[in-house]
Amino acid sequence: MAAPQATKYQELGGRVDVPMLCAIGVLLALGVVMVASSSMSYAVMTGQGAFYYINRHLLFLAVGLGLAAVALRTEIKQVEKYGYVFLGLCFLALVSVWIPGLGHSVNGARRWVRVGPLGFQAVEAVKLMFIVWLSSYLVRYRDQIGSSLKTLLKPLGIACALVFLLLLQPDFGSSALLLAITLCMVWLGGANQRHIVGPAIVMGVAMGFIAWMEPYRVKRLTSFLDPWADQFDSGFQLVQAFIAIGRGGLDGVGLGGSILKLDYLPEAHTDFIFSVYAEEFGFIGVCLLVLLFGILTWRAFRTGLGCLELNRPFAAYCAFGLGLWISIQATVSVGVNLGLLPTKGLTLPLISSGGSSLMMTCTAMGLLLRISYELDRARRQRGERTDAPRSDDAGVAARDESRPSAAQAAARIGGRRIEPKAGAPA
């Protein structure tokens, strides 16, 4: 009876990265808990009902998980095909905020696009689409980007064009984030360090000059340097954040026990949700949160390195870019809450309340999980091809079985042993 045929390597599936999936799941669960805890009192005071923000958060989370499921079921090679389409959509999204009837302002910043009854912040989609385009560019020019300054300047110039559109809104925090991601990705893509230093210095000086031109940004900078100098005006938000974090101590005051969220700490459920989290869960909870982001970043970069080993550069650069996005934004958000960085207006990924940010971050995580799935599938297929007997090996084995044994050959020639002769092939 013939043995059952082994599974064809083309039919082998893959598995998503379990530590990465667990980190994402725990961060999303913490986000739901913290948005509920930090927003209820504010929602009641503004007359919107205690569950307004948590219901809104859950709605956007459901949409984000749906988008993540779509990304998880999409082949990476299909995503790579539309690199330039995504780049065009980046510019279209940032220009659309200025279209009358479509774009609208919130708190003096024109960053939002109205989609039916909901508002969508265009830059959140731009972050993901730009990473996809830049990854495809690095694949196409990976042989030239290390030696050609012109090849390097093209993605930097496109990033600067997007930053210009962002600064018109204005959105300084997202602009700085986009430039940081771009510089790190081109360096990981093989760009010469000497070529990167000059543009990086120019960009840094330009961003500093732009920040200094706006009085409200100068005010943020001075309040960051010494918030206690004007603790009831420009330094009020940072001082309240310090008080909240200090009250947390080692193990926190307990879930729901925060006092600073009771209309003391502005943006308690968005930009400064980390302060409320630190107050309620303490230093131990903060260490857990940092560990979760560390695991997510580590697995993203490990996935990228694995893709490079299997000659899957587009997937690798996407994994690097997504890991950079989450890690840099999380670091900036935590740094702002701790008073280590000036206020940037960036949310804490997967934690803060924010519809468009949550949806696009979930989509990015779905894409990252898809990359890990395809990496595992490629490794299993490679192992199957390595372990399976080759057709020529099978033929050799069959021929060896058909040959007579030494005893049978000796019997055919009368029992005489044939000795090899000098100079003859053995």
Protein backbone atom coordinates (compact mmCIF):
# COMPACT_ATOMS: atom_id res chain seq x y z
CA MET A 1 0.00 0.00 0.00
CA ALA A 2 1.43 3.37 -1.01
CA ALA A 3 2.31 5.82 1.76
CA PRO A 4 0.12 8.94 2.01
CA GLN A 5 1.50 11.82 -0.05
CA ALA A 6 3.16 14.63 1.91
CA THR A 7 1.56 18.07 1.87
CA LYS A 8 2.76 20.13 -1.06
CA TYR A 9 4.88 23.05 0.09
CA GLN A 10 2.68 25.47 -1.86
CA GLU A 11 -0.26 24.39 0.32
CA LEU A 12 1.53 25.01 3.60
CA GLY A 13 0.13 27.87 5.65
CA GLY A 14 1.77 30.07 8.24
CA ARG A 15 1.19 31.36 11.74
CA VAL A 16 1.23 34.89 13.02
CA ASP A 17 3.82 35.94 15.57
CA VAL A 18 2.26 34.98 18.93
CA PRO A 19 4.24 37.39 21.20
CA MET A 20 3.42 40.23 18.80
CA LEU A 21 -0.26 39.30 18.74
CA CYS A 22 -0.41 39.05 22.53
CA ALA A 23 1.28 42.44 22.98
CA ILE A 24 -1.17 44.08 20.57
CA GLY A 25 -4.15 42.43 22.27
CA VAL A 26 -3.10 43.48 25.77
CA LEU A 27 -2.40 47.06 24.65
CA LEU A 28 -5.83 47.30 23.02
CA ALA A 29 -7.49 45.92 26.15
CA LEU A 30 -5.61 48.43 28.32
CA GLY A 31 -6.73 51.15 25.94
CA VAL A 32 -10.39 50.26 26.38
CA VAL A 33 -10.01 50.20 30.18
CA MET A 34 -8.13 53.50 30.34
CA VAL A 35 -10.41 55.38 27.94
CA ALA A 36 -13.38 54.31 30.06
CA SER A 37 -11.64 55.33 33.27
CA SER A 38 -10.24 58.66 32.07
CA SER A 39 -13.17 59.97 30.03
CA MET A 40 -16.33 59.32 32.04
CA SER A 41 -16.08 62.30 34.39
CA TYR A 42 -15.20 64.65 31.51
CA ALA A 43 -18.09 63.31 29.41
CA VAL A 44 -20.52 63.90 32.28
CA MET A 45 -19.26 67.45 32.86
CA THR A 46 -19.67 68.29 29.17
CA GLY A 47 -23.20 66.88 29.14
CA GLN A 48 -22.51 64.08 26.66
CA GLY A 49 -23.27 61.13 28.92
CA ALA A 50 -20.82 59.05 30.91
CA PHE A 51 -20.31 56.42 28.21
CA TYR A 52 -19.98 58.75 25.21
CA TYR A 53 -16.22 58.45 24.71
CA ILE A 54 -15.93 54.76 25.54
CA ASN A 55 -18.77 53.93 23.15
CA ARG A 56 -17.08 56.01 20.48
CA HIS A 57 -13.77 54.29 21.20
CA LEU A 58 -15.35 50.84 20.91
CA LEU A 59 -17.01 51.79 17.63
CA PHE A 60 -13.74 52.89 16.08
CA LEU A 61 -11.98 49.87 17.56
CA ALA A 62 -14.48 47.57 15.86
CA VAL A 63 -13.88 49.34 12.53
CA GLY A 64 -10.13 49.20 13.10
CA LEU A 65 -10.24 45.47 13.83
CA GLY A 66 -12.23 44.99 10.63
CA LEU A 67 -9.56 46.87 8.65
CA ALA A 68 -6.88 44.83 10.42
CA ALA A 69 -8.64 41.62 9.36
CA VAL A 70 -8.63 42.83 5.74
CA ALA A 71 -4.91 43.63 5.97
CA LEU A 72 -4.26 40.26 7.56
CA ARG A 73 -5.86 38.48 4.59
CA THR A 74 -4.06 40.52 1.91
CA GLU A 75 -0.90 39.16 0.29
CA ILE A 76 2.06 41.49 0.81
CA LYS A 77 2.98 41.24 -2.87
CA GLN A 78 -0.42 42.77 -3.70
CA VAL A 79 0.29 45.68 -1.37
CA GLU A 80 3.68 46.24 -2.99
CA LYS A 81 2.10 46.70 -6.42
CA TYR A 82 0.33 49.89 -5.37
CA GLY A 83 3.24 51.80 -3.87
CA TYR A 84 2.87 54.86 -6.10
CA VAL A 85 -0.91 54.76 -5.70
CA PHE A 86 -0.46 55.05 -1.94
CA LEU A 87 1.95 57.96 -2.43
CA GLY A 88 -0.63 59.78 -4.56
CA LEU A 89 -3.26 59.14 -1.91
CA CYS A 90 -0.94 60.69 0.69
CA PHE A 91 -0.92 64.01 -1.16
CA LEU A 92 -4.63 63.76 -1.95
CA ALA A 93 -5.49 63.17 1.71
CA LEU A 94 -3.46 66.16 2.92
CA VAL A 95 -4.87 68.46 0.23
CA SER A 96 -8.45 67.32 0.87
CA VAL A 97 -8.53 69.06 4.26
CA TRP A 98 -8.59 72.39 2.38
CA ILE A 99 -11.54 71.45 0.15
CA PRO A 100 -14.63 73.43 1.24
CA GLY A 101 -17.33 71.19 2.60
CA LEU A 102 -14.97 68.26 3.05
CA GLY A 103 -12.22 69.50 5.37
CA HIS A 104 -12.96 71.24 8.65
CA SER A 105 -11.06 72.74 11.59
CA VAL A 106 -10.86 71.49 15.17
CA ASN A 107 -9.28 73.72 17.84
CA GLY A 108 -7.86 76.02 15.16
CA ALA A 109 -6.12 73.22 13.20
CA ARG A 110 -7.40 72.14 9.79
CA ARG A 111 -6.52 68.45 9.96
CA TRP A 112 -9.86 66.74 9.58
CA VAL A 113 -11.90 65.38 6.71
CA ARG A 114 -15.63 64.93 7.23
CA VAL A 115 -16.83 61.47 6.15
CA GLY A 116 -20.58 61.45 6.76
CA PRO A 117 -21.21 62.13 10.44
CA LEU A 118 -17.65 61.22 11.38
CA GLY A 119 -14.39 63.14 11.19
CA PHE A 120 -11.17 61.52 9.99
CA GLN A 121 -7.68 62.88 10.60
CA ALA A 122 -5.92 62.54 7.25
CA VAL A 123 -2.37 62.32 8.59
CA GLU A 124 -3.09 58.99 10.32
CA ALA A 125 -3.69 57.32 6.96
CA VAL A 126 -0.70 59.16 5.47
CA LYS A 127 1.68 57.58 8.00
CA LEU A 128 0.75 54.06 6.93
CA MET A 129 0.58 54.75 3.18
CA PHE A 130 3.90 56.60 3.17
CA ILE A 131 5.65 53.70 4.93
CA VAL A 132 4.30 51.33 2.26
CA TRP A 133 5.50 53.58 -0.58
CA LEU A 134 8.91 54.18 0.98
CA SER A 135 9.36 50.42 1.46
CA SER A 136 8.63 49.81 -2.22
CA TYR A 137 11.06 52.60 -3.18
CA LEU A 138 13.84 51.11 -1.06
CA VAL A 139 13.31 47.75 -2.78
CA ARG A 140 13.53 49.25 -6.27
CA TYR A 141 16.66 51.31 -5.54
CA ARG A 142 18.41 49.24 -2.88
CA ASP A 143 21.46 48.85 -5.14
CA GLN A 144 21.84 52.62 -5.70
CA ILE A 145 20.71 54.21 -2.46
CA GLY A 146 23.98 53.42 -0.71
CA SER A 147 26.13 55.15 -3.30
CA SER A 148 23.91 57.69 -5.05
CA LEU A 149 23.04 60.91 -3.21
CA LYS A 150 20.36 61.65 -5.83
CA THR A 151 18.61 58.36 -5.07
CA LEU A 152 18.61 59.23 -1.37
CA LEU A 153 17.34 62.78 -1.83
CA LYS A 154 14.21 61.72 -3.71
CA PRO A 155 12.38 60.11 -0.74
CA LEU A 156 13.67 62.87 1.55
CA GLY A 157 12.29 65.49 -0.84
CA ILE A 158 8.90 63.76 -1.01
CA ALA A 159 8.82 63.56 2.79
CA CYS A 160 9.59 67.28 3.00
CA ALA A 161 6.73 68.01 0.56
CA LEU A 162 4.33 66.05 2.79
CA VAL A 163 5.70 67.85 5.85
CA PHE A 164 5.07 71.20 4.16
CA LEU A 165 1.40 70.27 3.71
CA LEU A 166 1.25 69.12 7.33
CA LEU A 167 2.75 72.37 8.62
CA LEU A 168 0.04 74.32 6.79
CA GLN A 169 -2.63 72.62 8.89
CA PRO A 170 -0.58 72.99 11.26
CA ASP A 171 0.62 69.63 12.65
CA PHE A 172 4.18 69.94 13.92
CA GLY A 173 4.22 66.69 15.89
CA SER A 174 3.22 64.47 12.95
CA SER A 175 5.67 66.35 10.73
CA ALA A 176 8.58 65.57 13.04
CA LEU A 177 7.42 61.95 13.33
CA LEU A 178 7.25 61.51 9.55
CA LEU A 179 10.76 62.91 9.07
CA ALA A 180 12.16 60.68 11.81
CA ILE A 181 10.60 57.57 10.24
CA THR A 182 11.94 58.55 6.82
CA LEU A 183 15.52 59.08 8.01
CA CYS A 184 15.56 55.81 9.96
CA MET A 185 14.07 53.80 7.10
CA VAL A 186 16.49 55.06 4.44
CA TRP A 187 19.37 54.30 6.82
CA LEU A 188 18.04 50.76 7.35
CA GLY A 189 17.59 50.55 3.58
CA GLY A 190 21.34 50.93 3.08
CA ALA A 191 21.86 54.68 2.66
CA ASN A 192 25.35 55.97 3.37
CA GLN A 193 25.59 57.55 6.82
CA ARG A 194 27.66 60.44 5.47
CA HIS A 195 24.91 61.20 2.97
CA ILE A 196 22.25 61.18 5.69
CA VAL A 197 23.96 63.48 8.18
CA GLY A 198 23.77 66.62 6.04
CA PRO A 199 20.04 66.41 5.16
CA ALA A 200 19.25 65.43 8.76
CA ILE A 201 20.97 68.53 10.12
CA VAL A 202 19.22 70.76 7.57
CA MET A 203 15.83 69.25 8.44
CA GLY A 204 16.47 69.64 12.16
CA VAL A 205 17.47 73.29 11.83
CA ALA A 206 14.50 74.01 9.57
CA MET A 207 12.03 72.39 11.97
CA GLY A 208 13.55 74.31 14.87
CA PHE A 209 13.23 77.58 12.97
CA ILE A 210 9.60 76.82 12.04
CA ALA A 211 8.82 76.03 15.67
CA TRP A 212 10.41 79.29 16.80
CA MET A 213 8.30 81.30 14.34
CA GLU A 214 5.02 80.36 16.05
CA PRO A 215 4.39 82.05 19.44
CA TYR A 216 2.29 79.16 20.76
CA ARG A 217 5.11 76.69 20.02
CA VAL A 218 7.61 78.96 21.77
CA LYS A 219 5.24 79.07 24.71
CA ARG A 220 5.13 75.27 24.77
CA LEU A 221 8.91 75.13 24.71
CA THR A 222 9.34 77.58 27.58
CA SER A 223 6.69 75.80 29.65
CA PHE A 224 8.47 72.52 28.98
CA LEU A 225 11.78 73.94 30.21
CA ASP A 226 10.22 75.31 33.43
CA PRO A 227 6.52 74.44 33.86
CA TRP A 228 6.51 75.67 37.46
CA ALA A 229 7.31 79.23 36.34
CA ASP A 230 3.73 79.59 35.09
CA GLN A 231 1.96 76.64 36.65
CA PHE A 232 -1.52 78.13 36.32
CA ASP A 233 -1.26 79.03 32.62
CA SER A 234 1.24 77.72 30.06
CA GLY A 235 2.69 75.11 32.44
CA PHE A 236 -0.66 74.00 33.88
CA GLN A 237 -1.06 70.83 31.81
CA LEU A 238 2.45 69.54 32.45
CA VAL A 239 2.28 70.35 36.17
CA GLN A 240 -0.97 68.39 36.49
CA ALA A 241 0.65 65.49 34.64
CA PHE A 242 3.54 65.55 37.12
CA ILE A 243 1.11 65.51 40.05
CA ALA A 244 -0.81 62.59 38.56
CA ILE A 245 2.33 60.53 37.94
CA GLY A 246 3.67 61.37 41.40
CA ARG A 247 0.43 60.28 43.08
CA GLY A 248 0.74 56.88 41.42
CA GLY A 249 3.78 55.91 43.47
CA LEU A 250 4.88 52.30 43.19
CA ASP A 251 1.58 50.46 42.67
CA GLY A 252 -0.89 53.26 41.90
CA VAL A 253 -4.11 54.43 43.51
CA GLY A 254 -6.19 51.74 41.81
CA LEU A 255 -8.29 51.60 38.66
CA GLY A 256 -10.78 54.47 38.63
CA GLY A 257 -9.11 56.19 41.59
CA SER A 258 -7.46 59.02 39.67
CA ILE A 259 -8.27 62.51 40.93
CA LEU A 260 -6.41 64.50 38.28
CA LYS A 261 -8.78 63.25 35.55
CA LEU A 262 -11.63 65.11 37.32
CA ASP A 263 -11.25 68.23 35.15
CA TYR A 264 -7.75 68.99 36.43
CA LEU A 265 -5.68 67.38 33.67
CA PRO A 266 -6.62 68.58 30.16
CA GLU A 267 -6.79 65.93 27.37
CA ALA A 268 -6.84 63.20 30.01
CA HIS A 269 -8.29 60.59 27.62
CA THR A 270 -6.18 61.51 24.57
CA ASP A 271 -2.69 63.06 24.68
CA PHE A 272 -2.21 62.73 28.47
CA ILE A 273 -3.84 59.35 29.06
CA PHE A 274 -0.44 58.01 30.15
CA SER A 275 -0.50 60.30 33.21
CA VAL A 276 -3.86 58.91 34.30
CA TYR A 277 -2.58 55.39 33.70
CA ALA A 278 0.52 56.10 35.81
CA GLU A 279 -1.63 57.54 38.60
CA GLU A 280 -3.91 54.51 38.71
CA PHE A 281 -1.36 51.71 38.11
CA GLY A 282 1.84 53.27 39.44
CA PHE A 283 5.43 52.53 38.52
CA ILE A 284 4.77 48.80 38.18
CA GLY A 285 2.02 49.45 35.65
CA VAL A 286 4.24 51.86 33.73
CA CYS A 287 6.97 49.20 33.52
CA LEU A 288 4.39 46.74 32.17
CA LEU A 289 3.25 49.24 29.54
CA VAL A 290 6.80 49.99 28.43
CA LEU A 291 7.51 46.25 28.30
CA LEU A 292 4.51 45.68 26.02
CA PHE A 293 5.64 48.37 23.58
CA GLY A 294 9.16 46.95 23.81
CA ILE A 295 7.92 43.45 22.90
CA LEU A 296 5.90 44.82 20.00
CA THR A 297 8.88 46.77 18.64
CA TRP A 298 11.28 43.87 19.16
CA ARG A 299 9.03 41.41 17.34
CA ALA A 300 8.49 43.89 14.49
CA PHE A 301 12.24 44.29 13.96
CA ARG A 302 12.85 40.57 14.40
CA THR A 303 10.22 39.92 11.73
CA GLY A 304 11.93 42.44 9.45
CA LEU A 305 15.32 40.78 9.90
CA GLY A 306 13.78 37.39 9.17
CA CYS A 307 12.29 38.72 5.96
CA LEU A 308 15.70 40.05 4.88
CA GLU A 309 17.24 36.63 5.50
CA LEU A 310 14.67 35.06 3.15
CA ASN A 311 15.14 37.80 0.53
CA ARG A 312 11.77 39.47 1.13
CA PRO A 313 12.96 43.10 1.27
CA PHE A 314 9.59 44.84 0.83
CA ALA A 315 8.05 42.97 3.75
CA ALA A 316 11.20 43.65 5.78
CA TYR A 317 11.15 47.41 5.20
CA CYS A 318 7.41 47.54 5.97
CA ALA A 319 8.02 45.74 9.26
CA PHE A 320 10.88 48.12 10.10
CA GLY A 321 8.75 51.16 9.21
CA LEU A 322 5.74 50.04 11.24
CA GLY A 323 7.95 49.20 14.21
CA LEU A 324 9.58 52.62 13.99
CA TRP A 325 6.20 54.35 13.79
CA ILE A 326 4.81 52.69 16.92
CA SER A 327 8.02 52.91 18.95
CA ILE A 328 8.82 56.55 18.11
CA GLN A 329 5.26 57.77 18.67
CA ALA A 330 4.95 55.86 21.95
CA THR A 331 8.31 57.21 23.12
CA VAL A 332 7.33 60.80 22.28
CA SER A 333 3.93 60.45 23.98
CA VAL A 334 5.44 59.04 27.17
CA GLY A 335 8.27 61.60 27.04
CA VAL A 336 5.79 64.47 26.81
CA ASN A 337 3.85 63.17 29.83
CA LEU A 338 7.07 62.83 31.82
CA GLY A 339 8.23 66.33 30.88
CA LEU A 340 11.19 65.02 28.88
CA LEU A 341 9.90 66.44 25.57
CA PRO A 342 7.81 69.49 24.61
CA THR A 343 4.11 68.90 24.01
CA LYS A 344 3.62 67.46 20.51
CA GLY A 345 -0.05 66.51 20.37
CA LEU A 346 0.66 62.84 19.60
CA THR A 347 -1.54 60.12 21.05
CA LEU A 348 -0.29 56.95 22.76
CA PRO A 349 -0.72 54.22 20.10
CA LEU A 350 -3.44 51.62 20.77
CA ILE A 351 -4.22 53.27 24.13
CA SER A 352 -5.47 56.84 23.67
CA SER A 353 -8.96 57.75 22.59
CA GLY A 354 -8.97 58.85 18.96
CA GLY A 355 -10.98 57.41 16.11
CA SER A 356 -8.77 57.82 13.06
CA SER A 357 -5.57 57.13 15.01
CA LEU A 358 -6.98 53.92 16.47
CA MET A 359 -8.34 52.69 13.14
CA MET A 360 -5.14 53.23 11.19
CA THR A 361 -2.93 51.85 13.95
CA CYS A 362 -5.06 48.69 14.01
CA THR A 363 -4.72 48.47 10.22
CA ALA A 364 -0.95 48.81 10.54
CA MET A 365 -0.89 46.04 13.14
CA GLY A 366 -2.92 43.82 10.81
CA LEU A 367 -0.33 44.42 8.08
CA LEU A 368 2.49 43.67 10.52
CA LEU A 369 0.83 40.41 11.56
CA ARG A 370 0.40 39.50 7.89
CA ILE A 371 4.13 39.99 7.35
CA SER A 372 4.88 37.68 10.28
CA TYR A 373 2.41 35.12 8.87
CA GLU A 374 4.05 35.13 5.44
CA LEU A 375 7.50 34.92 7.02
CA ASP A 376 6.50 31.81 8.98
CA ARG A 377 4.88 30.34 5.86
CA ALA A 378 8.03 30.96 3.81
CA ARG A 379 10.18 29.30 6.48
CA ARG A 380 7.93 26.24 6.60
CA GLN A 381 7.88 25.97 2.83
CA ARG A 382 11.67 26.28 2.75
CA GLY A 383 11.98 23.55 5.37
CA GLU A 384 9.61 21.30 3.43
CA ARG A 385 11.64 21.73 0.25
CA THR A 386 14.88 21.02 2.15
CA ASP A 387 13.56 17.89 3.87
CA ALA A 388 11.75 16.41 0.88
CA PRO A 389 13.73 13.89 -1.23
CA ARG A 390 14.72 15.26 -4.61
CA SER A 391 13.60 13.44 -7.73
CA ASP A 392 17.18 12.64 -8.78
CA ASP A 393 17.91 11.21 -5.33
CA ALA A 394 14.88 8.97 -5.64
CA GLY A 395 16.08 7.79 -9.05
CA VAL A 396 19.54 6.99 -7.71
CA ALA A 397 17.99 5.04 -4.85
CA ALA A 398 15.84 3.07 -7.29
CA ARG A 399 18.84 2.25 -9.46
CA ASP A 400 20.81 1.15 -6.40
CA GLU A 401 18.01 -1.21 -5.40
CA SER A 402 17.97 -2.74 -8.90
CA ARG A 403 21.71 -3.51 -8.80
CA PRO A 404 22.77 -7.00 -7.64
CA SER A 405 24.44 -7.38 -4.31
CA ALA A 406 28.12 -8.31 -3.97
CA ALA A 407 27.23 -11.97 -3.22
CA GLN A 408 24.95 -12.17 -6.27
CA ALA A 409 27.66 -10.71 -8.53
CA ALA A 410 30.25 -13.13 -7.18
CA ALA A 411 27.95 -16.09 -7.82
CA ARG A 412 27.48 -14.99 -11.45
CA ILE A 413 31.26 -15.01 -12.11
CA GLY A 414 31.98 -18.30 -10.39
CA GLY A 415 32.87 -16.99 -6.98
CA ARG A 416 36.03 -15.19 -8.20
CA ARG A 417 36.69 -11.76 -6.72
CA ILE A 418 37.68 -9.11 -9.18
CA GLU A 419 40.55 -6.94 -7.85
CA PRO A 420 41.02 -3.40 -9.16
CA LYS A 421 44.09 -2.95 -11.38
CA ALA A 422 46.58 -0.09 -11.11
CA GLY A 423 45.65 2.76 -13.34
CA ALA A 424 42.12 1.52 -13.81
CA PRO A 425 39.17 3.33 -12.28
CA ALA A 426 38.17 1.78 -9.00
